[in-house]
Amino acid sequence: QLQLVESGGGLVQPGGSLRLSCAASGFPLDYYAIAWFRQAPGKEREGVSCIENSDGSTYYADSVKGRFTISRDNANETVYLQMNSLRPEDTAVYYCAADLICYVETKQGAGAETKYSNWGQGTQVTVSS
């Protein structure tokens, strides 16, 4: 059974940076595509980014394109989300999720959350001065 654990969240000022990690165990990470979702208070969960396992293709939501970078280190069973130029509207609980492919429909974001079968517990990111 694949298990995912997120880390790296915290409080950061607007314009700052954070790097989130999604560590996998129980099954080889390179078998899975990994997506990042986020959920702000009172809002629906939003697909932020996804990285394929087959060829490393990456996808981003328009709201984070140019500021966030997703990457994977299969040897260390970890996927990262580097977040730069953070804004207050990036405040949310960030989750990583895994499945066989990135379920993106328009080559952006991460697709529908219901498509992903494995989830971490989430890590809080707060952007505030």
N, C-alpha and C. Protein backbone atom coordinates (compact mmCIF):
# COMPACT_ATOMS: atom_id res chain seq x y z
N GLN A 1 0.85 -1.18 0.00
CA GLN A 1 0.00 0.00 0.00
C GLN A 1 0.89 1.24 0.00
N LEU A 2 0.66 2.12 -0.97
CA LEU A 2 1.44 3.35 -1.04
C LEU A 2 1.00 4.28 0.07
N GLN A 3 1.97 4.88 0.74
CA GLN A 3 1.70 5.91 1.74
C GLN A 3 2.44 7.18 1.34
N LEU A 4 1.78 8.32 1.52
CA LEU A 4 2.34 9.61 1.17
C LEU A 4 2.35 10.50 2.40
N VAL A 5 3.45 11.21 2.61
CA VAL A 5 3.57 12.13 3.74
C VAL A 5 4.11 13.45 3.24
N GLU A 6 3.33 14.52 3.43
CA GLU A 6 3.77 15.85 3.03
C GLU A 6 4.51 16.53 4.19
N SER A 7 5.41 17.41 3.83
CA SER A 7 6.11 18.23 4.81
C SER A 7 6.57 19.51 4.14
N GLY A 8 7.03 20.47 4.95
CA GLY A 8 7.60 21.69 4.41
C GLY A 8 6.70 22.91 4.49
N GLY A 9 5.48 22.71 4.94
CA GLY A 9 4.59 23.86 5.08
C GLY A 9 5.00 24.77 6.22
N GLY A 10 4.36 25.93 6.28
CA GLY A 10 4.66 26.87 7.35
C GLY A 10 4.11 28.24 7.06
N LEU A 11 4.58 29.21 7.83
CA LEU A 11 4.19 30.60 7.68
C LEU A 11 5.28 31.35 6.93
N VAL A 12 4.89 32.07 5.90
CA VAL A 12 5.86 32.82 5.10
C VAL A 12 5.25 34.16 4.71
N GLN A 13 6.08 35.15 4.56
CA GLN A 13 5.60 36.47 4.15
C GLN A 13 5.31 36.50 2.65
N PRO A 14 4.43 37.38 2.22
CA PRO A 14 4.20 37.53 0.77
C PRO A 14 5.51 37.80 0.03
N GLY A 15 5.65 37.14 -1.09
CA GLY A 15 6.89 37.23 -1.86
C GLY A 15 7.93 36.20 -1.49
N GLY A 16 7.69 35.48 -0.41
CA GLY A 16 8.64 34.48 0.04
C GLY A 16 8.50 33.15 -0.68
N SER A 17 9.28 32.17 -0.23
CA SER A 17 9.33 30.86 -0.87
C SER A 17 9.20 29.75 0.17
N LEU A 18 8.68 28.63 -0.29
CA LEU A 18 8.65 27.39 0.49
C LEU A 18 8.86 26.24 -0.47
N ARG A 19 9.40 25.15 0.04
CA ARG A 19 9.48 23.92 -0.74
C ARG A 19 8.76 22.83 0.02
N LEU A 20 7.72 22.32 -0.60
CA LEU A 20 6.98 21.20 -0.03
C LEU A 20 7.56 19.89 -0.53
N SER A 21 7.52 18.89 0.34
CA SER A 21 7.97 17.55 -0.02
C SER A 21 6.83 16.56 0.15
N CYS A 22 6.81 15.59 -0.71
CA CYS A 22 5.85 14.48 -0.63
C CYS A 22 6.68 13.20 -0.67
N ALA A 23 6.81 12.57 0.49
CA ALA A 23 7.62 11.37 0.60
C ALA A 23 6.74 10.13 0.49
N ALA A 24 7.17 9.21 -0.36
CA ALA A 24 6.39 7.99 -0.60
C ALA A 24 7.06 6.80 0.06
N SER A 25 6.24 5.86 0.50
CA SER A 25 6.74 4.60 1.04
C SER A 25 5.72 3.51 0.74
N GLY A 26 6.18 2.28 0.80
CA GLY A 26 5.30 1.14 0.60
C GLY A 26 5.23 0.64 -0.82
N PHE A 27 5.64 1.48 -1.77
CA PHE A 27 5.63 1.09 -3.18
C PHE A 27 6.54 2.04 -3.91
N PRO A 28 7.26 1.60 -4.94
CA PRO A 28 8.19 2.49 -5.64
C PRO A 28 7.51 3.72 -6.22
N LEU A 29 8.07 4.88 -5.94
CA LEU A 29 7.47 6.13 -6.39
C LEU A 29 7.40 6.20 -7.91
N ASP A 30 8.39 5.60 -8.60
CA ASP A 30 8.43 5.77 -10.05
C ASP A 30 7.29 5.05 -10.77
N TYR A 31 6.49 4.35 -10.02
CA TYR A 31 5.30 3.70 -10.60
C TYR A 31 4.15 4.68 -10.75
N TYR A 32 4.24 5.84 -10.07
CA TYR A 32 3.10 6.73 -9.94
C TYR A 32 3.34 8.12 -10.52
N ALA A 33 2.28 8.70 -11.04
CA ALA A 33 2.22 10.15 -11.25
C ALA A 33 1.82 10.78 -9.91
N ILE A 34 2.36 11.96 -9.63
CA ILE A 34 2.09 12.64 -8.37
C ILE A 34 1.51 14.01 -8.65
N ALA A 35 0.44 14.31 -7.96
CA ALA A 35 -0.22 15.61 -8.09
C ALA A 35 -0.20 16.35 -6.76
N TRP A 36 -0.24 17.65 -6.86
CA TRP A 36 -0.44 18.51 -5.68
C TRP A 36 -1.80 19.20 -5.81
N PHE A 37 -2.55 19.14 -4.73
CA PHE A 37 -3.81 19.86 -4.61
C PHE A 37 -3.72 20.80 -3.42
N ARG A 38 -4.61 21.76 -3.37
CA ARG A 38 -4.68 22.62 -2.19
C ARG A 38 -6.14 22.96 -1.91
N GLN A 39 -6.40 23.21 -0.64
CA GLN A 39 -7.74 23.58 -0.23
C GLN A 39 -7.68 24.71 0.79
N ALA A 40 -8.23 25.84 0.40
CA ALA A 40 -8.32 27.00 1.28
C ALA A 40 -9.63 26.92 2.07
N PRO A 41 -9.69 27.58 3.22
CA PRO A 41 -10.92 27.54 4.02
C PRO A 41 -12.13 28.01 3.23
N GLY A 42 -13.18 27.21 3.27
CA GLY A 42 -14.41 27.57 2.59
C GLY A 42 -14.40 27.39 1.08
N LYS A 43 -13.33 26.82 0.56
CA LYS A 43 -13.23 26.65 -0.89
C LYS A 43 -13.06 25.18 -1.25
N GLU A 44 -13.34 24.88 -2.51
CA GLU A 44 -13.16 23.51 -2.99
C GLU A 44 -11.66 23.22 -3.17
N ARG A 45 -11.35 21.94 -3.14
CA ARG A 45 -9.97 21.54 -3.38
C ARG A 45 -9.60 21.83 -4.84
N GLU A 46 -8.42 22.38 -5.02
CA GLU A 46 -7.97 22.83 -6.34
C GLU A 46 -6.71 22.07 -6.76
N GLY A 47 -6.69 21.59 -7.99
CA GLY A 47 -5.50 20.94 -8.50
C GLY A 47 -4.45 21.98 -8.86
N VAL A 48 -3.27 21.85 -8.32
CA VAL A 48 -2.20 22.84 -8.50
C VAL A 48 -1.22 22.41 -9.58
N SER A 49 -0.76 21.16 -9.50
CA SER A 49 0.28 20.71 -10.40
C SER A 49 0.32 19.19 -10.41
N CYS A 50 0.95 18.65 -11.44
CA CYS A 50 1.10 17.20 -11.54
C CYS A 50 2.34 16.89 -12.35
N ILE A 51 2.98 15.76 -12.00
CA ILE A 51 4.15 15.30 -12.75
C ILE A 51 3.97 13.83 -13.09
N GLU A 52 4.16 13.51 -14.35
CA GLU A 52 3.98 12.14 -14.81
C GLU A 52 5.15 11.26 -14.37
N ASN A 53 4.89 9.96 -14.28
CA ASN A 53 5.97 9.01 -13.99
C ASN A 53 6.62 8.52 -15.28
N SER A 54 5.91 8.57 -16.39
CA SER A 54 6.41 7.99 -17.64
C SER A 54 7.52 8.83 -18.26
N ASP A 55 7.27 10.12 -18.41
CA ASP A 55 8.25 10.96 -19.10
C ASP A 55 8.57 12.25 -18.35
N GLY A 56 8.04 12.38 -17.13
CA GLY A 56 8.33 13.57 -16.34
C GLY A 56 7.59 14.81 -16.78
N SER A 57 6.61 14.68 -17.66
CA SER A 57 5.84 15.85 -18.07
C SER A 57 5.19 16.51 -16.85
N THR A 58 5.12 17.82 -16.90
CA THR A 58 4.57 18.58 -15.78
C THR A 58 3.42 19.47 -16.23
N TYR A 59 2.51 19.71 -15.30
CA TYR A 59 1.33 20.53 -15.58
C TYR A 59 1.11 21.46 -14.38
N TYR A 60 0.61 22.65 -14.68
CA TYR A 60 0.39 23.64 -13.64
C TYR A 60 -0.95 24.34 -13.85
N ALA A 61 -1.59 24.70 -12.75
CA ALA A 61 -2.75 25.57 -12.83
C ALA A 61 -2.29 26.97 -13.23
N ASP A 62 -3.13 27.69 -13.93
CA ASP A 62 -2.77 29.04 -14.36
C ASP A 62 -2.41 29.93 -13.18
N SER A 63 -3.03 29.70 -12.04
CA SER A 63 -2.82 30.54 -10.87
C SER A 63 -1.42 30.42 -10.28
N VAL A 64 -0.69 29.35 -10.63
CA VAL A 64 0.65 29.15 -10.07
C VAL A 64 1.73 29.07 -11.14
N LYS A 65 1.34 29.07 -12.39
CA LYS A 65 2.30 28.93 -13.48
C LYS A 65 3.33 30.05 -13.43
N GLY A 66 4.60 29.67 -13.54
CA GLY A 66 5.68 30.65 -13.47
C GLY A 66 6.18 30.92 -12.07
N ARG A 67 5.43 30.47 -11.06
CA ARG A 67 5.85 30.67 -9.66
C ARG A 67 6.17 29.35 -8.95
N PHE A 68 5.47 28.29 -9.31
CA PHE A 68 5.65 26.98 -8.67
C PHE A 68 6.35 26.04 -9.65
N THR A 69 7.18 25.15 -9.10
CA THR A 69 7.86 24.14 -9.90
C THR A 69 7.73 22.78 -9.21
N ILE A 70 7.23 21.81 -9.94
CA ILE A 70 7.13 20.44 -9.42
C ILE A 70 8.29 19.63 -9.97
N SER A 71 8.85 18.77 -9.13
CA SER A 71 9.95 17.91 -9.56
C SER A 71 9.89 16.61 -8.77
N ARG A 72 10.60 15.62 -9.26
CA ARG A 72 10.60 14.33 -8.56
C ARG A 72 12.00 13.77 -8.47
N ASP A 73 12.27 13.10 -7.38
CA ASP A 73 13.53 12.41 -7.15
C ASP A 73 13.16 10.97 -6.82
N ASN A 74 13.09 10.15 -7.85
CA ASN A 74 12.63 8.77 -7.63
C ASN A 74 13.58 7.99 -6.74
N ALA A 75 14.86 8.29 -6.82
CA ALA A 75 15.83 7.56 -5.99
C ALA A 75 15.56 7.78 -4.51
N ASN A 76 15.09 8.98 -4.17
CA ASN A 76 14.78 9.29 -2.78
C ASN A 76 13.29 9.24 -2.49
N GLU A 77 12.52 8.70 -3.46
CA GLU A 77 11.08 8.49 -3.25
C GLU A 77 10.36 9.76 -2.82
N THR A 78 10.72 10.88 -3.43
CA THR A 78 10.15 12.16 -3.01
C THR A 78 9.80 13.03 -4.22
N VAL A 79 8.68 13.71 -4.11
CA VAL A 79 8.29 14.73 -5.08
C VAL A 79 8.27 16.07 -4.35
N TYR A 80 8.72 17.11 -5.05
CA TYR A 80 8.82 18.43 -4.45
C TYR A 80 7.89 19.41 -5.17
N LEU A 81 7.46 20.41 -4.41
CA LEU A 81 6.78 21.56 -5.00
C LEU A 81 7.48 22.80 -4.49
N GLN A 82 8.29 23.39 -5.36
CA GLN A 82 8.97 24.64 -5.03
C GLN A 82 8.02 25.79 -5.30
N MET A 83 7.75 26.58 -4.29
CA MET A 83 6.78 27.67 -4.40
C MET A 83 7.50 29.00 -4.16
N ASN A 84 7.54 29.82 -5.19
CA ASN A 84 8.18 31.13 -5.11
C ASN A 84 7.14 32.23 -5.28
N SER A 85 7.53 33.44 -4.92
CA SER A 85 6.65 34.61 -5.07
C SER A 85 5.27 34.34 -4.47
N LEU A 86 5.27 33.82 -3.28
CA LEU A 86 4.01 33.42 -2.66
C LEU A 86 3.11 34.62 -2.37
N ARG A 87 1.83 34.37 -2.48
CA ARG A 87 0.81 35.39 -2.29
C ARG A 87 -0.15 34.96 -1.19
N PRO A 88 -0.83 35.88 -0.56
CA PRO A 88 -1.82 35.49 0.47
C PRO A 88 -2.85 34.49 -0.06
N GLU A 89 -3.20 34.59 -1.31
CA GLU A 89 -4.20 33.67 -1.87
C GLU A 89 -3.67 32.25 -2.07
N ASP A 90 -2.36 32.05 -1.85
CA ASP A 90 -1.81 30.70 -1.89
C ASP A 90 -2.01 29.97 -0.55
N THR A 91 -2.50 30.69 0.45
CA THR A 91 -2.74 30.08 1.75
C THR A 91 -3.76 28.95 1.63
N ALA A 92 -3.38 27.76 2.10
CA ALA A 92 -4.23 26.58 1.98
C ALA A 92 -3.53 25.40 2.64
N VAL A 93 -4.27 24.32 2.80
CA VAL A 93 -3.66 23.04 3.11
C VAL A 93 -3.30 22.39 1.77
N TYR A 94 -2.06 21.97 1.66
CA TYR A 94 -1.56 21.37 0.43
C TYR A 94 -1.45 19.85 0.62
N TYR A 95 -1.98 19.12 -0.35
CA TYR A 95 -2.00 17.67 -0.34
C TYR A 95 -1.28 17.13 -1.56
N CYS A 96 -0.56 16.03 -1.40
CA CYS A 96 -0.09 15.32 -2.57
C CYS A 96 -0.95 14.06 -2.76
N ALA A 97 -1.06 13.66 -3.99
CA ALA A 97 -1.90 12.52 -4.36
C ALA A 97 -1.20 11.74 -5.47
N ALA A 98 -1.49 10.46 -5.53
CA ALA A 98 -0.82 9.59 -6.50
C ALA A 98 -1.80 8.72 -7.25
N ASP A 99 -1.50 8.50 -8.51
CA ASP A 99 -2.21 7.49 -9.30
C ASP A 99 -1.35 7.15 -10.51
N LEU A 100 -1.89 6.38 -11.44
CA LEU A 100 -1.07 5.88 -12.53
C LEU A 100 -0.66 6.96 -13.52
N ILE A 101 -1.52 7.96 -13.73
CA ILE A 101 -1.22 9.05 -14.64
C ILE A 101 -1.71 10.36 -14.03
N CYS A 102 -1.31 11.47 -14.63
CA CYS A 102 -1.89 12.77 -14.28
C CYS A 102 -3.21 12.89 -15.04
N TYR A 103 -4.29 13.08 -14.31
CA TYR A 103 -5.60 13.11 -14.96
C TYR A 103 -5.97 14.52 -15.40
N VAL A 104 -5.05 15.14 -16.12
CA VAL A 104 -5.30 16.49 -16.61
C VAL A 104 -6.08 16.40 -17.92
N GLU A 105 -6.95 17.38 -18.16
CA GLU A 105 -7.78 17.37 -19.36
C GLU A 105 -7.36 18.44 -20.36
N THR A 106 -6.80 19.51 -19.87
CA THR A 106 -6.40 20.61 -20.76
C THR A 106 -4.93 20.95 -20.55
N LYS A 107 -4.15 19.96 -20.16
CA LYS A 107 -2.70 20.11 -19.94
C LYS A 107 -2.40 21.20 -18.91
N GLN A 108 -3.27 21.34 -17.94
CA GLN A 108 -2.98 22.26 -16.85
C GLN A 108 -3.60 21.72 -15.57
N GLY A 109 -3.04 22.16 -14.46
CA GLY A 109 -3.55 21.74 -13.17
C GLY A 109 -3.25 20.28 -12.90
N ALA A 110 -4.19 19.62 -12.25
CA ALA A 110 -4.01 18.22 -11.89
C ALA A 110 -5.24 17.39 -12.18
N GLY A 111 -6.30 17.99 -12.70
CA GLY A 111 -7.50 17.22 -12.99
C GLY A 111 -8.36 17.03 -11.76
N ALA A 112 -9.31 16.12 -11.89
CA ALA A 112 -10.29 15.90 -10.83
C ALA A 112 -9.69 15.13 -9.66
N GLU A 113 -9.93 15.60 -8.46
CA GLU A 113 -9.37 14.94 -7.27
C GLU A 113 -9.91 13.54 -7.10
N THR A 114 -11.10 13.29 -7.58
CA THR A 114 -11.70 11.96 -7.42
C THR A 114 -10.97 10.88 -8.22
N LYS A 115 -10.13 11.30 -9.15
CA LYS A 115 -9.39 10.34 -9.97
C LYS A 115 -8.21 9.73 -9.22
N TYR A 116 -7.75 10.39 -8.19
CA TYR A 116 -6.52 9.97 -7.50
C TYR A 116 -6.86 9.10 -6.30
N SER A 117 -6.18 7.97 -6.20
CA SER A 117 -6.57 6.97 -5.21
C SER A 117 -5.75 6.99 -3.93
N ASN A 118 -4.62 7.67 -3.95
CA ASN A 118 -3.75 7.70 -2.77
C ASN A 118 -3.49 9.14 -2.37
N TRP A 119 -3.64 9.44 -1.07
CA TRP A 119 -3.53 10.81 -0.59
C TRP A 119 -2.69 10.89 0.67
N GLY A 120 -1.98 12.01 0.81
CA GLY A 120 -1.32 12.31 2.06
C GLY A 120 -2.26 13.04 3.00
N GLN A 121 -1.74 13.41 4.16
CA GLN A 121 -2.57 14.03 5.19
C GLN A 121 -2.63 15.55 5.07
N GLY A 122 -1.73 16.12 4.28
CA GLY A 122 -1.73 17.56 4.05
C GLY A 122 -0.74 18.31 4.92
N THR A 123 -0.34 19.47 4.42
CA THR A 123 0.54 20.36 5.17
C THR A 123 0.04 21.79 4.97
N GLN A 124 0.02 22.57 6.05
CA GLN A 124 -0.54 23.91 6.00
C GLN A 124 0.48 24.90 5.49
N VAL A 125 0.07 25.72 4.54
CA VAL A 125 0.87 26.84 4.05
C VAL A 125 0.09 28.12 4.33
N THR A 126 0.72 29.04 5.04
CA THR A 126 0.09 30.32 5.35
C THR A 126 0.99 31.44 4.85
N VAL A 127 0.44 32.30 3.99
CA VAL A 127 1.18 33.42 3.45
C VAL A 127 0.57 34.69 4.03
N SER A 128 1.32 35.34 4.90
CA SER A 128 0.78 36.50 5.60
C SER A 128 1.93 37.35 6.12
N SER A 129 1.68 38.66 6.17
CA SER A 129 2.66 39.55 6.76
C SER A 129 2.35 39.80 8.23
